């Protein structure tokens, strides 16, 4: 298990951090995002999409009502939002297991509501509001691909202050 905690001073900085992470992703990965409403989960995924190569003209939004969006990129980005789902709800109808075991990056907002087999290789990101514009992002990597990513992300040029 590898850990990293950073502080973002703005939504733009959180988006830039997401983009930074997306650029370093080299293998399929599950990213579990947790945090209260307005903590920056979707903002982070918007940056992640850019870093993976989703075209800038593609508007990345939270799939609150559709549950999942798919964005073609260097590695396909699957973006799920489970806010409107009950914890433990069956999500088989939207193919979550296929997304998690596929060749893309699966970013799941409200991942704590996921009722799926444990994903051994995953990056968990906890976003906390620390001030009106500031956020603390705590990253915990499980598995080789996630640990490799987090070590690469924690390098010179990191767009947020380490804590």
Protein backbone atom coordinates (compact mmCIF):
# COMPACT_ATOMS: atom_id res chain seq x y z
CA UNK A 1 0.00 0.00 0.00
CA UNK A 2 1.35 3.42 -1.04
CA UNK A 3 -0.07 6.71 0.24
CA UNK A 4 0.12 10.39 -0.72
CA UNK A 5 -1.74 13.42 0.63
CA UNK A 6 -1.85 16.75 -1.17
CA UNK A 7 -3.65 20.06 -0.73
CA UNK A 8 -5.34 21.78 -3.66
CA UNK A 9 -5.96 25.51 -3.38
CA UNK A 10 -8.66 25.70 -6.09
CA UNK A 11 -10.89 23.78 -8.48
CA UNK A 12 -8.42 24.57 -11.27
CA UNK A 13 -5.60 23.05 -9.25
CA UNK A 14 -7.72 19.94 -8.51
CA UNK A 15 -8.46 19.63 -12.25
CA UNK A 16 -4.74 20.03 -13.04
CA UNK A 17 -3.91 17.33 -10.48
CA UNK A 18 -6.41 15.01 -12.19
CA UNK A 19 -4.78 15.74 -15.54
CA UNK A 20 -1.34 15.10 -14.04
CA UNK A 21 -2.52 11.69 -12.80
CA UNK A 22 -4.14 10.85 -16.13
CA UNK A 23 -0.89 11.48 -17.98
CA UNK A 24 0.94 8.98 -15.77
CA UNK A 25 -1.62 6.15 -16.10
CA UNK A 26 -0.12 3.41 -18.26
CA UNK A 27 -2.36 0.43 -17.48
CA UNK A 28 -6.03 -0.30 -16.77
CA UNK A 29 -6.99 0.98 -13.34
CA UNK A 30 -9.96 1.46 -11.03
CA UNK A 31 -10.13 4.82 -9.24
CA UNK A 32 -12.50 5.05 -6.28
CA UNK A 33 -13.44 8.64 -5.38
CA UNK A 34 -14.99 9.46 -2.03
CA UNK A 35 -16.01 12.75 -0.47
CA UNK A 36 -19.00 14.89 0.36
CA UNK A 37 -21.05 16.76 -2.23
CA UNK A 38 -19.00 19.57 -3.73
CA UNK A 39 -15.66 18.16 -2.64
CA UNK A 40 -14.28 18.05 -6.19
CA UNK A 41 -14.76 14.46 -7.36
CA UNK A 42 -16.13 15.44 -10.79
CA UNK A 43 -13.57 18.24 -11.14
CA UNK A 44 -10.80 15.69 -10.57
CA UNK A 45 -12.32 13.36 -13.20
CA UNK A 46 -12.50 16.25 -15.69
CA UNK A 47 -8.74 16.64 -15.36
CA UNK A 48 -8.21 12.89 -15.44
CA UNK A 49 -10.07 12.79 -18.76
CA UNK A 50 -7.75 15.42 -20.26
CA UNK A 51 -4.68 13.57 -19.03
CA UNK A 52 -5.92 10.35 -20.64
CA UNK A 53 -6.44 12.17 -23.93
CA UNK A 54 -10.18 12.83 -24.00
CA UNK A 55 -10.48 15.75 -26.48
CA UNK A 56 -10.81 19.20 -24.90
CA UNK A 57 -14.03 19.79 -26.87
CA UNK A 58 -15.65 16.86 -24.99
CA UNK A 59 -17.49 18.12 -21.92
CA UNK A 60 -17.02 15.73 -19.00
CA UNK A 61 -19.96 15.78 -16.61
CA UNK A 62 -21.03 13.71 -13.65
CA UNK A 63 -23.31 10.88 -14.79
CA UNK A 64 -25.65 11.34 -11.80
CA UNK A 65 -28.75 10.27 -13.72
CA UNK A 66 -27.27 7.99 -16.38
CA UNK A 67 -24.94 6.27 -13.86
CA UNK A 68 -22.10 5.86 -16.37
CA UNK A 69 -20.38 7.79 -19.16
CA UNK A 70 -17.76 6.41 -21.50
CA UNK A 71 -15.08 8.59 -23.09
CA UNK A 72 -12.74 7.31 -25.83
CA UNK A 73 -9.11 8.11 -25.05
CA UNK A 74 -5.65 6.56 -24.89
CA UNK A 75 -7.24 4.26 -22.30
CA UNK A 76 -11.04 4.40 -22.40
CA UNK A 77 -12.41 6.34 -19.43
CA UNK A 78 -15.51 4.95 -17.74
CA UNK A 79 -16.98 7.52 -15.33
CA UNK A 80 -19.60 6.34 -12.84
CA UNK A 81 -21.54 8.29 -10.24
CA UNK A 82 -23.30 6.17 -7.62
CA UNK A 83 -24.74 9.05 -5.56
CA UNK A 84 -28.34 8.21 -6.45
CA UNK A 85 -27.87 4.49 -5.78
CA UNK A 86 -28.50 2.81 -2.47
CA UNK A 87 -25.39 1.35 -0.86
CA UNK A 88 -25.02 -2.26 -1.96
CA UNK A 89 -27.39 -1.89 -4.96
CA UNK A 90 -26.88 -4.34 -7.81
CA UNK A 91 -25.19 -2.55 -10.69
CA UNK A 92 -24.91 -5.51 -13.01
CA UNK A 93 -27.29 -3.96 -15.54
CA UNK A 94 -24.74 -1.27 -16.43
CA UNK A 95 -21.78 -3.64 -16.65
CA UNK A 96 -19.69 -2.40 -13.73
CA UNK A 97 -17.83 -5.71 -13.43
CA UNK A 98 -16.87 -5.53 -17.12
CA UNK A 99 -15.66 -1.95 -16.71
CA UNK A 100 -13.58 -2.84 -13.66
CA UNK A 101 -11.96 -5.83 -15.35
CA UNK A 102 -11.52 -4.24 -18.78
CA UNK A 103 -8.74 -2.37 -20.54
CA UNK A 104 -9.72 1.14 -19.48
CA UNK A 105 -9.71 3.44 -16.49
CA UNK A 106 -12.84 3.30 -14.35
CA UNK A 107 -13.40 6.35 -12.12
CA UNK A 108 -16.23 5.84 -9.63
CA UNK A 109 -17.69 8.71 -7.61
CA UNK A 110 -19.33 7.59 -4.36
CA UNK A 111 -17.42 4.30 -4.67
CA UNK A 112 -18.32 3.38 -1.09
CA UNK A 113 -21.80 2.52 -2.45
CA UNK A 114 -20.34 -0.06 -4.81
CA UNK A 115 -21.43 -3.64 -4.28
CA UNK A 116 -18.83 -5.46 -6.30
CA UNK A 117 -16.06 -7.95 -5.71
CA UNK A 118 -12.99 -6.34 -4.21
CA UNK A 119 -10.77 -4.77 -6.82
CA UNK A 120 -7.22 -5.67 -5.87
CA UNK A 121 -5.56 -3.06 -8.08
CA UNK A 122 -7.16 0.28 -7.34
CA UNK A 123 -6.44 3.86 -6.38
CA UNK A 124 -8.66 5.29 -3.65
CA UNK A 125 -8.91 9.07 -3.42
CA UNK A 126 -10.62 10.75 -0.46
CA UNK A 127 -11.44 14.43 -1.07
CA UNK A 128 -12.08 16.68 1.93
CA UNK A 129 -13.22 20.31 1.92
CA UNK A 130 -10.78 22.27 4.09
CA UNK A 131 -11.80 25.82 3.07
CA UNK A 132 -14.25 27.29 0.53
CA UNK A 133 -11.84 26.62 -2.36
CA UNK A 134 -9.28 24.28 -0.78
CA UNK A 135 -9.35 20.49 -0.74
CA UNK A 136 -7.23 17.78 0.84
CA UNK A 137 -6.83 14.74 -1.41
CA UNK A 138 -5.64 11.55 0.24
CA UNK A 139 -4.49 8.87 -2.20
CA UNK A 140 -4.10 5.23 -1.20
CA UNK A 141 -2.82 2.77 -3.81
CA UNK A 142 -3.56 -0.95 -3.65
CA UNK A 143 -1.81 -3.27 -6.09
CA UNK A 144 1.09 -2.87 -8.48
CA UNK A 145 -0.44 -0.62 -11.17
CA UNK A 146 -1.90 1.80 -8.61
CA UNK A 147 1.33 1.90 -6.58
CA UNK A 148 3.41 2.49 -9.70
CA UNK A 149 1.09 5.33 -10.70
CA UNK A 150 1.19 6.99 -7.29
CA UNK A 151 4.99 6.83 -7.16
CA UNK A 152 5.16 8.45 -10.61
CA UNK A 153 2.63 11.13 -9.66
CA UNK A 154 4.69 12.02 -6.57
CA UNK A 155 7.44 13.57 -8.65
CA UNK A 156 8.87 17.02 -9.42
CA UNK A 157 6.18 19.19 -10.97
CA UNK A 158 3.36 17.84 -8.81
CA UNK A 159 0.71 20.58 -9.22
CA UNK A 160 -0.39 20.59 -5.55
CA UNK A 161 1.38 21.00 -2.24
CA UNK A 162 2.23 17.75 -0.47
CA UNK A 163 1.07 17.45 3.09
